[in-house]
Amino acid sequence: MLKKFKKIALVALAMTVVMPSSAQDLLANQAPIDRKMRAIDSIQLQQMLENQVVQQSAAAQLYDDWNNMYAHKQTVLPDSFLIDLRDFAMPSPSRVITSNFGARWGRQHKGLDIKLNTGDTIYAAFSGKVRVVRFEPKGYGKYVVIRHDNGLETIYGHMSKHLCAENQEVRAGQPIGLGGSTGRSTGSHLHFETRLCGTALNPALMFDFYNQDVVGDYYLFRKATYNQESIVATKLRGVGGQGGTDNTDYAQLAQQEQQKPQAKAKTTSKRSANNNRQQASYHKVQRGESLSAIARKHGTSVSALCRLNRITTRSTIKPGQILRYN
């Protein structure tokens, strides 16, 4: 036993001799650092880190006030702004969009409508602080507004129940409400908005509901090209869209989109007036109507209706919905 102990001691001594002087210095220098770190109050350190995050957040750069009374108020919109999408959660696991962002029924639809059932859980899209929890009977119904650290504000409308309170800090993916059909709504769904400085941005520029993902780590908002980029995003991820890729070059696609009307005008000018394209016609869905009944009424086919409206034969149509039939 004594021989074994001596052997271990000799090995330890040899390792000390062989160890490089730089490694010995590193161990010696680490000791006082460890003592200093242990002396720091962990609670105070956490508070310092949290305060630093708040001061450096994008929201602190964009917004001067905090108000629980209004859903949104337009302020000065920057020419460009980089929005961090990394810490995200999908507001709903539903992959079905029932209404796009943009012009609808003679007015602007400021968000996306996501199909869900009454009672389905709705989640915070990013971490942030709940600014508004209210009920608007002729509009959003029961809704929630969250201001996020990345500069966005998100709105969740037509809830059946609130699961959060004003001024509450929430994390991405935290339940904030249940799906419903309160307010101005024709059926259970989530009305989801993304706003920057009070201006509604197309959520399809950032969220790909079909693939349950965001489009990338960041989204660069550019005032000069935003409108065309929004059109492209709707084509990629709107009703019937299959989702875009993470490296989609929106600026290039937007430029191509701008050139299309010019090319179309040149082609149209060569045609005879008798060969002009037929003007689009629309049908307002009545209660109890089906796709096949609408198709028969207008002398077309169900597949043609689906193609024109970017829906499938399994899509649910609702009373009041507008469908194009030619």
C-alpha atoms as a PDB file:
ATOM      1  CA  MET A   1       0.000   0.000   0.000  1.00  0.00           C
ATOM      2  CA  LEU A   2       2.853   2.371   0.926  1.00  0.00           C
ATOM      3  CA  LYS A   3       4.619   1.639  -2.394  1.00  0.00           C
ATOM      4  CA  LYS A   4       1.426   2.467  -4.304  1.00  0.00           C
ATOM      5  CA  PHE A   5       1.048   5.827  -2.463  1.00  0.00           C
ATOM      6  CA  LYS A   6       4.679   6.756  -3.220  1.00  0.00           C
ATOM      7  CA  LYS A   7       4.136   5.931  -6.889  1.00  0.00           C
ATOM      8  CA  ILE A   8       1.093   8.268  -7.108  1.00  0.00           C
ATOM      9  CA  ALA A   9       3.023  11.073  -5.395  1.00  0.00           C
ATOM     10  CA  LEU A  10       5.920  10.731  -7.817  1.00  0.00           C
ATOM     11  CA  VAL A  11       3.553  10.867 -10.836  1.00  0.00           C
ATOM     12  CA  ALA A  12       1.885  14.024  -9.501  1.00  0.00           C
ATOM     13  CA  LEU A  13       5.268  15.673  -8.936  1.00  0.00           C
ATOM     14  CA  ALA A  14       6.383  14.755 -12.439  1.00  0.00           C
ATOM     15  CA  MET A  15       3.225  16.280 -13.989  1.00  0.00           C
ATOM     16  CA  THR A  16       3.864  19.529 -12.102  1.00  0.00           C
ATOM     17  CA  VAL A  17       7.411  19.680 -13.445  1.00  0.00           C
ATOM     18  CA  VAL A  18       6.362  18.838 -17.029  1.00  0.00           C
ATOM     19  CA  MET A  19       3.352  21.233 -17.086  1.00  0.00           C
ATOM     20  CA  PRO A  20       4.137  24.321 -19.218  1.00  0.00           C
ATOM     21  CA  SER A  21       4.709  27.516 -17.307  1.00  0.00           C
ATOM     22  CA  SER A  22       1.910  29.229 -19.267  1.00  0.00           C
ATOM     23  CA  ALA A  23      -0.610  26.667 -17.961  1.00  0.00           C
ATOM     24  CA  GLN A  24       0.638  27.168 -14.388  1.00  0.00           C
ATOM     25  CA  ASP A  25       0.263  30.939 -14.815  1.00  0.00           C
ATOM     26  CA  LEU A  26      -3.269  30.464 -16.129  1.00  0.00           C
ATOM     27  CA  LEU A  27      -4.273  28.495 -13.043  1.00  0.00           C
ATOM     28  CA  ALA A  28      -2.659  31.055 -10.776  1.00  0.00           C
ATOM     29  CA  ASN A  29      -4.402  33.962 -12.489  1.00  0.00           C
ATOM     30  CA  GLN A  30      -7.774  32.204 -12.468  1.00  0.00           C
ATOM     31  CA  ALA A  31      -7.936  31.946  -8.669  1.00  0.00           C
ATOM     32  CA  PRO A  32      -8.485  35.661  -7.885  1.00  0.00           C
ATOM     33  CA  ILE A  33     -10.988  35.933 -10.774  1.00  0.00           C
ATOM     34  CA  ASP A  34     -13.027  33.095  -9.324  1.00  0.00           C
ATOM     35  CA  ARG A  35     -13.004  34.785  -5.925  1.00  0.00           C
ATOM     36  CA  LYS A  36     -14.240  38.062  -7.449  1.00  0.00           C
ATOM     37  CA  MET A  37     -17.042  36.335  -9.353  1.00  0.00           C
ATOM     38  CA  ARG A  38     -18.244  34.604  -6.204  1.00  0.00           C
ATOM     39  CA  ALA A  39     -18.364  37.991  -4.500  1.00  0.00           C
ATOM     40  CA  ILE A  40     -20.877  39.389  -7.027  1.00  0.00           C
ATOM     41  CA  ASP A  41     -24.483  39.266  -5.922  1.00  0.00           C
ATOM     42  CA  SER A  42     -26.173  37.008  -8.510  1.00  0.00           C
ATOM     43  CA  ILE A  43     -29.515  38.859  -8.223  1.00  0.00           C
ATOM     44  CA  GLN A  44     -27.892  42.234  -8.889  1.00  0.00           C
ATOM     45  CA  LEU A  45     -25.997  40.765 -11.848  1.00  0.00           C
ATOM     46  CA  GLN A  46     -29.228  39.443 -13.349  1.00  0.00           C
ATOM     47  CA  GLN A  47     -30.902  42.836 -12.937  1.00  0.00           C
ATOM     48  CA  MET A  48     -27.956  44.550 -14.644  1.00  0.00           C
ATOM     49  CA  LEU A  49     -28.209  42.190 -17.613  1.00  0.00           C
ATOM     50  CA  GLU A  50     -31.976  42.665 -17.925  1.00  0.00           C
ATOM     51  CA  ASN A  51     -31.662  46.459 -17.803  1.00  0.00           C
ATOM     52  CA  GLN A  52     -28.993  46.350 -20.496  1.00  0.00           C
ATOM     53  CA  VAL A  53     -31.245  44.276 -22.775  1.00  0.00           C
ATOM     54  CA  VAL A  54     -34.140  46.727 -22.306  1.00  0.00           C
ATOM     55  CA  GLN A  55     -31.945  49.736 -23.042  1.00  0.00           C
ATOM     56  CA  GLN A  56     -30.547  48.140 -26.189  1.00  0.00           C
ATOM     57  CA  SER A  57     -33.850  46.700 -27.488  1.00  0.00           C
ATOM     58  CA  ALA A  58     -35.219  47.835 -30.824  1.00  0.00           C
ATOM     59  CA  ALA A  59     -38.517  48.755 -29.154  1.00  0.00           C
ATOM     60  CA  ALA A  60     -36.737  51.324 -26.998  1.00  0.00           C
ATOM     61  CA  GLN A  61     -35.427  52.998 -30.173  1.00  0.00           C
ATOM     62  CA  LEU A  62     -38.817  53.164 -31.888  1.00  0.00           C
ATOM     63  CA  TYR A  63     -41.402  53.984 -29.229  1.00  0.00           C
ATOM     64  CA  ASP A  64     -41.526  56.876 -26.785  1.00  0.00           C
ATOM     65  CA  ASP A  65     -44.773  56.116 -24.978  1.00  0.00           C
ATOM     66  CA  TRP A  66     -46.606  53.220 -23.354  1.00  0.00           C
ATOM     67  CA  ASN A  67     -50.397  53.295 -23.496  1.00  0.00           C
ATOM     68  CA  ASN A  68     -52.974  50.608 -22.696  1.00  0.00           C
ATOM     69  CA  MET A  69     -55.885  52.417 -24.369  1.00  0.00           C
ATOM     70  CA  TYR A  70     -55.265  52.167 -28.126  1.00  0.00           C
ATOM     71  CA  ALA A  71     -54.586  49.169 -30.357  1.00  0.00           C
ATOM     72  CA  HIS A  72     -52.190  51.037 -32.640  1.00  0.00           C
ATOM     73  CA  LYS A  73     -51.047  54.578 -33.375  1.00  0.00           C
ATOM     74  CA  GLN A  74     -48.874  55.572 -36.306  1.00  0.00           C
ATOM     75  CA  THR A  75     -45.581  57.264 -35.513  1.00  0.00           C
ATOM     76  CA  VAL A  76     -42.550  58.071 -37.659  1.00  0.00           C
ATOM     77  CA  LEU A  77     -41.682  55.014 -39.741  1.00  0.00           C
ATOM     78  CA  PRO A  78     -37.948  54.563 -40.430  1.00  0.00           C
ATOM     79  CA  ASP A  79     -36.772  54.262 -44.035  1.00  0.00           C
ATOM     80  CA  SER A  80     -35.311  50.876 -43.176  1.00  0.00           C
ATOM     81  CA  PHE A  81     -35.246  48.727 -40.067  1.00  0.00           C
ATOM     82  CA  LEU A  82     -33.772  45.284 -39.326  1.00  0.00           C
ATOM     83  CA  ILE A  83     -36.196  43.037 -37.415  1.00  0.00           C
ATOM     84  CA  ASP A  84     -34.761  40.094 -35.463  1.00  0.00           C
ATOM     85  CA  LEU A  85     -36.941  36.983 -36.002  1.00  0.00           C
ATOM     86  CA  ARG A  86     -34.761  34.427 -34.232  1.00  0.00           C
ATOM     87  CA  ASP A  87     -36.606  34.194 -30.898  1.00  0.00           C
ATOM     88  CA  PHE A  88     -40.000  33.302 -32.348  1.00  0.00           C
ATOM     89  CA  ALA A  89     -42.985  31.014 -31.913  1.00  0.00           C
ATOM     90  CA  MET A  90     -45.852  30.456 -34.342  1.00  0.00           C
ATOM     91  CA  PRO A  91     -49.041  32.112 -32.995  1.00  0.00           C
ATOM     92  CA  SER A  92     -50.985  28.985 -33.950  1.00  0.00           C
ATOM     93  CA  PRO A  93     -50.086  25.465 -35.135  1.00  0.00           C
ATOM     94  CA  SER A  94     -52.654  25.895 -37.922  1.00  0.00           C
ATOM     95  CA  ARG A  95     -51.188  25.884 -41.432  1.00  0.00           C
ATOM     96  CA  VAL A  96     -54.300  27.253 -43.147  1.00  0.00           C
ATOM     97  CA  ILE A  97     -54.643  30.933 -44.095  1.00  0.00           C
ATOM     98  CA  THR A  98     -58.233  31.885 -44.947  1.00  0.00           C
ATOM     99  CA  SER A  99     -57.731  35.544 -45.861  1.00  0.00           C
ATOM    100  CA  ASN A 100     -54.725  37.489 -47.108  1.00  0.00           C
ATOM    101  CA  PHE A 101     -53.264  40.822 -46.087  1.00  0.00           C
ATOM    102  CA  GLY A 102     -54.376  43.698 -48.311  1.00  0.00           C
ATOM    103  CA  ALA A 103     -57.479  44.857 -50.173  1.00  0.00           C
ATOM    104  CA  ARG A 104     -60.598  42.880 -49.268  1.00  0.00           C
ATOM    105  CA  TRP A 105     -64.276  43.674 -49.775  1.00  0.00           C
ATOM    106  CA  GLY A 106     -63.591  47.338 -50.504  1.00  0.00           C
ATOM    107  CA  ARG A 107     -61.331  47.933 -47.510  1.00  0.00           C
ATOM    108  CA  GLN A 108     -57.826  47.113 -46.335  1.00  0.00           C
ATOM    109  CA  HIS A 109     -57.368  43.912 -44.357  1.00  0.00           C
ATOM    110  CA  LYS A 110     -54.438  44.691 -42.065  1.00  0.00           C
ATOM    111  CA  GLY A 111     -53.448  41.143 -41.125  1.00  0.00           C
ATOM    112  CA  LEU A 112     -53.743  37.448 -41.919  1.00  0.00           C
ATOM    113  CA  ASP A 113     -56.725  35.307 -40.922  1.00  0.00           C
ATOM    114  CA  ILE A 114     -55.627  31.906 -39.634  1.00  0.00           C
ATOM    115  CA  LYS A 115     -58.093  29.022 -39.446  1.00  0.00           C
ATOM    116  CA  LEU A 116     -58.615  27.612 -35.952  1.00  0.00           C
ATOM    117  CA  ASN A 117     -61.409  26.361 -33.724  1.00  0.00           C
ATOM    118  CA  THR A 118     -62.950  28.090 -30.734  1.00  0.00           C
ATOM    119  CA  GLY A 119     -60.849  27.206 -27.709  1.00  0.00           C
ATOM    120  CA  ASP A 120     -57.601  26.554 -29.613  1.00  0.00           C
ATOM    121  CA  THR A 121     -54.569  28.051 -27.870  1.00  0.00           C
ATOM    122  CA  ILE A 122     -52.969  31.212 -29.266  1.00  0.00           C
ATOM    123  CA  TYR A 123     -49.306  31.918 -28.489  1.00  0.00           C
ATOM    124  CA  ALA A 124     -47.099  35.011 -28.256  1.00  0.00           C
ATOM    125  CA  ALA A 125     -45.058  35.298 -31.463  1.00  0.00           C
ATOM    126  CA  PHE A 126     -42.029  36.837 -29.731  1.00  0.00           C
ATOM    127  CA  SER A 127     -40.992  37.755 -26.222  1.00  0.00           C
ATOM    128  CA  GLY A 128     -42.171  41.149 -25.003  1.00  0.00           C
ATOM    129  CA  LYS A 129     -44.660  43.016 -22.846  1.00  0.00           C
ATOM    130  CA  VAL A 130     -48.450  42.953 -23.164  1.00  0.00           C
ATOM    131  CA  ARG A 131     -49.651  46.470 -23.908  1.00  0.00           C
ATOM    132  CA  VAL A 132     -53.396  45.998 -24.492  1.00  0.00           C
ATOM    133  CA  VAL A 133     -55.976  43.425 -23.357  1.00  0.00           C
ATOM    134  CA  ARG A 134     -59.416  44.677 -24.379  1.00  0.00           C
ATOM    135  CA  PHE A 135     -62.761  43.918 -26.004  1.00  0.00           C
ATOM    136  CA  GLU A 136     -63.892  45.753 -29.148  1.00  0.00           C
ATOM    137  CA  PRO A 137     -67.382  44.504 -30.123  1.00  0.00           C
ATOM    138  CA  LYS A 138     -67.421  46.003 -33.643  1.00  0.00           C
ATOM    139  CA  GLY A 139     -63.825  45.202 -34.541  1.00  0.00           C
ATOM    140  CA  TYR A 140     -61.162  42.977 -33.027  1.00  0.00           C
ATOM    141  CA  GLY A 141     -63.512  41.455 -30.447  1.00  0.00           C
ATOM    142  CA  LYS A 142     -61.409  40.188 -27.547  1.00  0.00           C
ATOM    143  CA  TYR A 143     -57.862  41.042 -28.538  1.00  0.00           C
ATOM    144  CA  VAL A 144     -54.298  41.357 -27.259  1.00  0.00           C
ATOM    145  CA  VAL A 145     -51.466  43.674 -28.326  1.00  0.00           C
ATOM    146  CA  ILE A 146     -47.856  42.809 -27.438  1.00  0.00           C
ATOM    147  CA  ARG A 147     -44.852  45.082 -27.893  1.00  0.00           C
ATOM    148  CA  HIS A 148     -41.749  43.026 -28.615  1.00  0.00           C
ATOM    149  CA  ASP A 149     -38.085  43.699 -28.013  1.00  0.00           C
ATOM    150  CA  ASN A 150     -37.377  43.383 -31.754  1.00  0.00           C
ATOM    151  CA  GLY A 151     -39.466  46.496 -32.490  1.00  0.00           C
ATOM    152  CA  LEU A 152     -42.629  44.813 -33.731  1.00  0.00           C
ATOM    153  CA  GLU A 153     -46.054  44.962 -32.134  1.00  0.00           C
ATOM    154  CA  THR A 154     -48.360  41.997 -32.772  1.00  0.00           C
ATOM    155  CA  ILE A 155     -52.150  41.973 -32.515  1.00  0.00           C
ATOM    156  CA  TYR A 156     -54.268  38.856 -31.941  1.00  0.00           C
ATOM    157  CA  GLY A 157     -57.984  39.342 -32.619  1.00  0.00           C
ATOM    158  CA  HIS A 158     -61.371  37.597 -32.194  1.00  0.00           C
ATOM    159  CA  MET A 159     -60.330  35.576 -29.123  1.00  0.00           C
ATOM    160  CA  SER A 160     -62.891  33.785 -26.990  1.00  0.00           C
ATOM    161  CA  LYS A 161     -60.793  34.260 -23.842  1.00  0.00           C
ATOM    162  CA  HIS A 162     -57.766  36.251 -22.675  1.00  0.00           C
ATOM    163  CA  LEU A 163     -54.959  34.368 -20.932  1.00  0.00           C
ATOM    164  CA  CYS A 164     -52.729  37.345 -20.128  1.00  0.00           C
ATOM    165  CA  ALA A 165     -52.934  40.778 -18.513  1.00  0.00           C
ATOM    166  CA  GLU A 166     -51.806  44.264 -19.469  1.00  0.00           C
ATOM    167  CA  ASN A 167     -48.191  45.119 -18.557  1.00  0.00           C
ATOM    168  CA  GLN A 168     -47.356  41.417 -18.216  1.00  0.00           C
ATOM    169  CA  GLU A 169     -44.012  40.185 -19.517  1.00  0.00           C
ATOM    170  CA  VAL A 170     -44.423  37.167 -21.814  1.00  0.00           C
ATOM    171  CA  ARG A 171     -42.046  34.830 -23.547  1.00  0.00           C
ATOM    172  CA  ALA A 172     -42.216  33.619 -27.140  1.00  0.00           C
ATOM    173  CA  GLY A 173     -44.570  30.643 -27.269  1.00  0.00           C
ATOM    174  CA  GLN A 174     -46.413  31.528 -24.061  1.00  0.00           C
ATOM    175  CA  PRO A 175     -50.230  31.061 -24.247  1.00  0.00           C
ATOM    176  CA  ILE A 176     -51.971  34.457 -24.353  1.00  0.00           C
ATOM    177  CA  GLY A 177     -55.531  33.567 -25.367  1.00  0.00           C
ATOM    178  CA  LEU A 178     -57.992  31.107 -26.877  1.00  0.00           C
ATOM    179  CA  GLY A 179     -59.384  31.176 -30.394  1.00  0.00           C
ATOM    180  CA  GLY A 180     -62.907  32.379 -31.040  1.00  0.00           C
ATOM    181  CA  SER A 181     -65.170  34.520 -33.198  1.00  0.00           C
ATOM    182  CA  THR A 182     -65.811  37.633 -31.093  1.00  0.00           C
ATOM    183  CA  GLY A 183     -66.184  41.094 -32.622  1.00  0.00           C
ATOM    184  CA  ARG A 184     -66.535  41.570 -36.373  1.00  0.00           C
ATOM    185  CA  SER A 185     -66.118  37.968 -37.440  1.00  0.00           C
ATOM    186  CA  THR A 186     -68.032  35.432 -39.535  1.00  0.00           C
ATOM    187  CA  GLY A 187     -66.416  32.347 -38.010  1.00  0.00           C
ATOM    188  CA  SER A 188     -63.772  31.141 -35.600  1.00  0.00           C
ATOM    189  CA  HIS A 189     -60.290  32.266 -36.645  1.00  0.00           C
ATOM    190  CA  LEU A 190     -57.240  34.211 -35.499  1.00  0.00           C
ATOM    191  CA  HIS A 191     -56.756  37.666 -36.979  1.00  0.00           C
ATOM    192  CA  PHE A 192     -52.992  38.198 -36.714  1.00  0.00           C
ATOM    193  CA  GLU A 193     -51.259  41.533 -37.348  1.00  0.00           C
ATOM    194  CA  THR A 194     -47.607  42.616 -37.321  1.00  0.00           C
ATOM    195  CA  ARG A 195     -47.045  46.365 -36.961  1.00  0.00           C
ATOM    196  CA  LEU A 196     -43.981  48.599 -36.984  1.00  0.00           C
ATOM    197  CA  CYS A 197     -44.465  52.084 -35.515  1.00  0.00           C
ATOM    198  CA  GLY A 198     -48.216  51.531 -35.839  1.00  0.00           C
ATOM    199  CA  THR A 199     -48.005  50.696 -39.556  1.00  0.00           C
ATOM    200  CA  ALA A 200     -49.387  47.294 -40.522  1.00  0.00           C
ATOM    201  CA  LEU A 201     -46.844  45.064 -42.276  1.00  0.00           C
ATOM    202  CA  ASN A 202     -47.806  41.921 -44.139  1.00  0.00           C
ATOM    203  CA  PRO A 203     -47.159  39.010 -41.726  1.00  0.00           C
ATOM    204  CA  ALA A 204     -46.389  36.811 -44.759  1.00  0.00           C
ATOM    205  CA  LEU A 205     -43.117  38.737 -45.107  1.00  0.00           C
ATOM    206  CA  MET A 206     -41.962  37.189 -41.849  1.00  0.00           C
ATOM    207  CA  PHE A 207     -44.140  34.156 -41.065  1.00  0.00           C
ATOM    208  CA  ASP A 208     -44.608  31.032 -43.168  1.00  0.00           C
ATOM    209  CA  PHE A 209     -47.684  29.386 -41.645  1.00  0.00           C
ATOM    210  CA  TYR A 210     -47.705  26.548 -44.180  1.00  0.00           C
ATOM    211  CA  ASN A 211     -44.239  25.424 -43.032  1.00  0.00           C
ATOM    212  CA  GLN A 212     -44.704  26.663 -39.432  1.00  0.00           C
ATOM    213  CA  ASP A 213     -41.537  28.745 -39.528  1.00  0.00           C
ATOM    214  CA  VAL A 214     -40.200  32.252 -40.050  1.00  0.00           C
ATOM    215  CA  VAL A 215     -38.623  33.140 -43.386  1.00  0.00           C
ATOM    216  CA  GLY A 216     -35.154  33.722 -41.926  1.00  0.00           C
ATOM    217  CA  ASP A 217     -33.233  34.986 -38.915  1.00  0.00           C
ATOM    218  CA  TYR A 218     -33.960  38.615 -39.858  1.00  0.00           C
ATOM    219  CA  TYR A 219     -36.336  40.651 -41.999  1.00  0.00           C
ATOM    220  CA  LEU A 220     -35.067  43.960 -43.397  1.00  0.00           C
ATOM    221  CA  PHE A 221     -37.976  46.402 -43.745  1.00  0.00           C
ATOM    222  CA  ARG A 222     -37.407  48.920 -46.545  1.00  0.00           C
ATOM    223  CA  LYS A 223     -39.992  51.634 -47.028  1.00  0.00           C
ATOM    224  CA  ALA A 224     -39.065  52.136 -50.691  1.00  0.00           C
ATOM    225  CA  THR A 225     -39.678  48.504 -51.750  1.00  0.00           C
ATOM    226  CA  TYR A 226     -42.072  47.284 -49.082  1.00  0.00           C
ATOM    227  CA  ASN A 227     -45.314  47.342 -51.118  1.00  0.00           C
ATOM    228  CA  GLN A 228     -43.945  45.212 -53.949  1.00  0.00           C
ATOM    229  CA  GLU A 229     -42.245  42.860 -51.497  1.00  0.00           C
ATOM    230  CA  SER A 230     -45.581  42.432 -49.731  1.00  0.00           C
ATOM    231  CA  ILE A 231     -47.249  41.402 -53.015  1.00  0.00           C
ATOM    232  CA  VAL A 232     -44.533  38.816 -53.604  1.00  0.00           C
ATOM    233  CA  ALA A 233     -44.855  37.475 -50.038  1.00  0.00           C
ATOM    234  CA  THR A 234     -48.619  37.038 -50.465  1.00  0.00           C
ATOM    235  CA  LYS A 235     -48.059  35.036 -53.641  1.00  0.00           C
ATOM    236  CA  LEU A 236     -45.533  32.842 -51.843  1.00  0.00           C
ATOM    237  CA  ARG A 237     -47.292  32.384 -48.506  1.00  0.00           C
ATOM    238  CA  GLY A 238     -50.852  33.628 -48.802  1.00  0.00           C
ATOM    239  CA  VAL A 239     -54.023  31.627 -49.375  1.00  0.00           C
ATOM    240  CA  GLY A 240     -52.965  28.465 -51.165  1.00  0.00           C
ATOM    241  CA  GLY A 241     -49.254  29.339 -50.913  1.00  0.00           C
ATOM    242  CA  GLN A 242     -46.759  26.569 -50.260  1.00  0.00           C
ATOM    243  CA  GLY A 243     -44.187  28.671 -48.436  1.00  0.00           C
ATOM    244  CA  GLY A 244     -40.980  30.324 -49.603  1.00  0.00           C
ATOM    245  CA  THR A 245     -37.347  29.560 -48.960  1.00  0.00           C
ATOM    246  CA  ASP A 246     -35.235  31.104 -46.235  1.00  0.00           C
ATOM    247  CA  ASN A 247     -32.960  32.823 -48.780  1.00  0.00           C
ATOM    248  CA  THR A 248     -35.712  34.404 -50.884  1.00  0.00           C
ATOM    249  CA  ASP A 249     -34.453  37.636 -52.452  1.00  0.00           C
ATOM    250  CA  TYR A 250     -37.545  39.798 -51.964  1.00  0.00           C
ATOM    251  CA  ALA A 251     -35.978  42.870 -53.546  1.00  0.00           C
ATOM    252  CA  GLN A 252     -35.227  40.969 -56.758  1.00  0.00           C
ATOM    253  CA  LEU A 253     -38.683  39.392 -56.847  1.00  0.00           C
ATOM    254  CA  ALA A 254     -40.256  42.778 -56.192  1.00  0.00           C
ATOM    255  CA  GLN A 255     -38.329  44.264 -59.124  1.00  0.00           C
ATOM    256  CA  GLN A 256     -39.572  41.456 -61.364  1.00  0.00           C
ATOM    257  CA  GLU A 257     -43.094  42.099 -60.138  1.00  0.00           C
ATOM    258  CA  GLN A 258     -42.803  45.778 -61.061  1.00  0.00           C
ATOM    259  CA  GLN A 259     -41.743  44.875 -64.595  1.00  0.00           C
ATOM    260  CA  LYS A 260     -44.711  42.565 -65.209  1.00  0.00           C
ATOM    261  CA  PRO A 261     -47.334  45.287 -65.834  1.00  0.00           C
ATOM    262  CA  GLN A 262     -45.073  46.869 -68.479  1.00  0.00           C
ATOM    263  CA  ALA A 263     -44.603  43.570 -70.305  1.00  0.00           C
ATOM    264  CA  LYS A 264     -48.317  42.876 -70.084  1.00  0.00           C
ATOM    265  CA  ALA A 265     -49.148  46.297 -71.539  1.00  0.00           C
ATOM    266  CA  LYS A 266     -46.891  45.666 -74.542  1.00  0.00           C
ATOM    267  CA  THR A 267     -48.514  42.307 -75.193  1.00  0.00           C
ATOM    268  CA  THR A 268     -52.043  43.675 -74.812  1.00  0.00           C
ATOM    269  CA  SER A 269     -51.400  46.538 -77.253  1.00  0.00           C
ATOM    270  CA  LYS A 270     -50.751  44.004 -80.041  1.00  0.00           C
ATOM    271  CA  ARG A 271     -54.072  42.271 -79.573  1.00  0.00           C
ATOM    272  CA  SER A 272     -57.308  43.090 -81.262  1.00  0.00           C
ATOM    273  CA  ALA A 273     -59.952  44.802 -79.144  1.00  0.00           C
ATOM    274  CA  ASN A 274     -62.171  41.758 -79.661  1.00  0.00           C
ATOM    275  CA  ASN A 275     -59.571  39.518 -78.035  1.00  0.00           C
ATOM    276  CA  ASN A 276     -59.212  41.487 -74.816  1.00  0.00           C
ATOM    277  CA  ARG A 277     -59.293  39.407 -71.672  1.00  0.00           C
ATOM    278  CA  GLN A 278     -62.681  38.966 -70.057  1.00  0.00           C
ATOM    279  CA  GLN A 279     -63.291  41.165 -67.031  1.00  0.00           C
ATOM    280  CA  ALA A 280     -63.139  39.298 -63.702  1.00  0.00           C
ATOM    281  CA  SER A 281     -66.467  38.470 -62.054  1.00  0.00           C
ATOM    282  CA  TYR A 282     -67.130  37.608 -58.426  1.00  0.00           C
ATOM    283  CA  HIS A 283     -69.690  35.753 -56.340  1.00  0.00           C
ATOM    284  CA  LYS A 284     -70.628  36.457 -52.714  1.00  0.00           C
ATOM    285  CA  VAL A 285     -71.127  33.185 -50.863  1.00  0.00           C
ATOM    286  CA  GLN A 286     -74.592  32.686 -49.372  1.00  0.00           C
ATOM    287  CA  ARG A 287     -75.408  30.514 -46.373  1.00  0.00           C
ATOM    288  CA  GLY A 288     -75.597  26.836 -47.337  1.00  0.00           C
ATOM    289  CA  GLU A 289     -73.821  27.216 -50.678  1.00  0.00           C
ATOM    290  CA  SER A 290     -71.082  24.793 -51.747  1.00  0.00           C
ATOM    291  CA  LEU A 291     -68.325  25.096 -54.321  1.00  0.00           C
ATOM    292  CA  SER A 292     -70.174  22.753 -56.676  1.00  0.00           C
ATOM    293  CA  ALA A 293     -73.405  24.799 -56.390  1.00  0.00           C
ATOM    294  CA  ILE A 294     -71.534  28.035 -57.127  1.00  0.00           C
ATOM    295  CA  ALA A 295     -69.746  26.423 -60.080  1.00  0.00           C
ATOM    296  CA  ARG A 296     -73.063  25.208 -61.574  1.00  0.00           C
ATOM    297  CA  LYS A 297     -74.647  28.633 -61.073  1.00  0.00           C
ATOM    298  CA  HIS A 298     -71.947  30.383 -63.098  1.00  0.00           C
ATOM    299  CA  GLY A 299     -71.321  27.671 -65.683  1.00  0.00           C
ATOM    300  CA  THR A 300     -67.820  26.802 -64.537  1.00  0.00           C
ATOM    301  CA  SER A 301     -66.099  23.947 -62.711  1.00  0.00           C
ATOM    302  CA  VAL A 302     -65.017  23.428 -59.116  1.00  0.00           C
ATOM    303  CA  SER A 303     -61.404  23.033 -60.229  1.00  0.00           C
ATOM    304  CA  ALA A 304     -61.582  26.400 -62.024  1.00  0.00           C
ATOM    305  CA  LEU A 305     -62.981  28.058 -58.897  1.00  0.00           C
ATOM    306  CA  CYS A 306     -60.202  26.565 -56.816  1.00  0.00           C
ATOM    307  CA  ARG A 307     -57.534  27.695 -59.285  1.00  0.00           C
ATOM    308  CA  LEU A 308     -58.830  31.276 -59.470  1.00  0.00           C
ATOM    309  CA  ASN A 309     -59.163  31.633 -55.685  1.00  0.00           C
ATOM    310  CA  ARG A 310     -56.078  29.631 -54.707  1.00  0.00           C
ATOM    311  CA  ILE A 311     -58.065  27.196 -52.592  1.00  0.00           C
ATOM    312  CA  THR A 312     -58.602  23.431 -52.636  1.00  0.00           C
ATOM    313  CA  THR A 313     -61.721  21.305 -52.851  1.00  0.00           C
ATOM    314  CA  ARG A 314     -61.328  20.716 -49.104  1.00  0.00           C
ATOM    315  CA  SER A 315     -61.272  24.431 -48.249  1.00  0.00           C
ATOM    316  CA  THR A 316     -64.134  25.730 -46.114  1.00  0.00           C
ATOM    317  CA  ILE A 317     -66.094  28.617 -47.618  1.00  0.00           C
ATOM    318  CA  LYS A 318     -68.079  30.969 -45.393  1.00  0.00           C
ATOM    319  CA  PRO A 319     -71.160  33.153 -45.882  1.00  0.00           C
ATOM    320  CA  GLY A 320     -70.046  36.575 -47.081  1.00  0.00           C
ATOM    321  CA  GLN A 321     -66.809  35.284 -48.614  1.00  0.00           C
ATOM    322  CA  ILE A 322     -66.025  36.661 -52.094  1.00  0.00           C
ATOM    323  CA  LEU A 323     -65.048  34.155 -54.779  1.00  0.00           C
ATOM    324  CA  ARG A 324     -63.885  34.900 -58.294  1.00  0.00           C
ATOM    325  CA  TYR A 325     -65.531  32.654 -60.915  1.00  0.00           C
ATOM    326  CA  ASN A 326     -63.940  33.878 -64.183  1.00  0.00           C
END
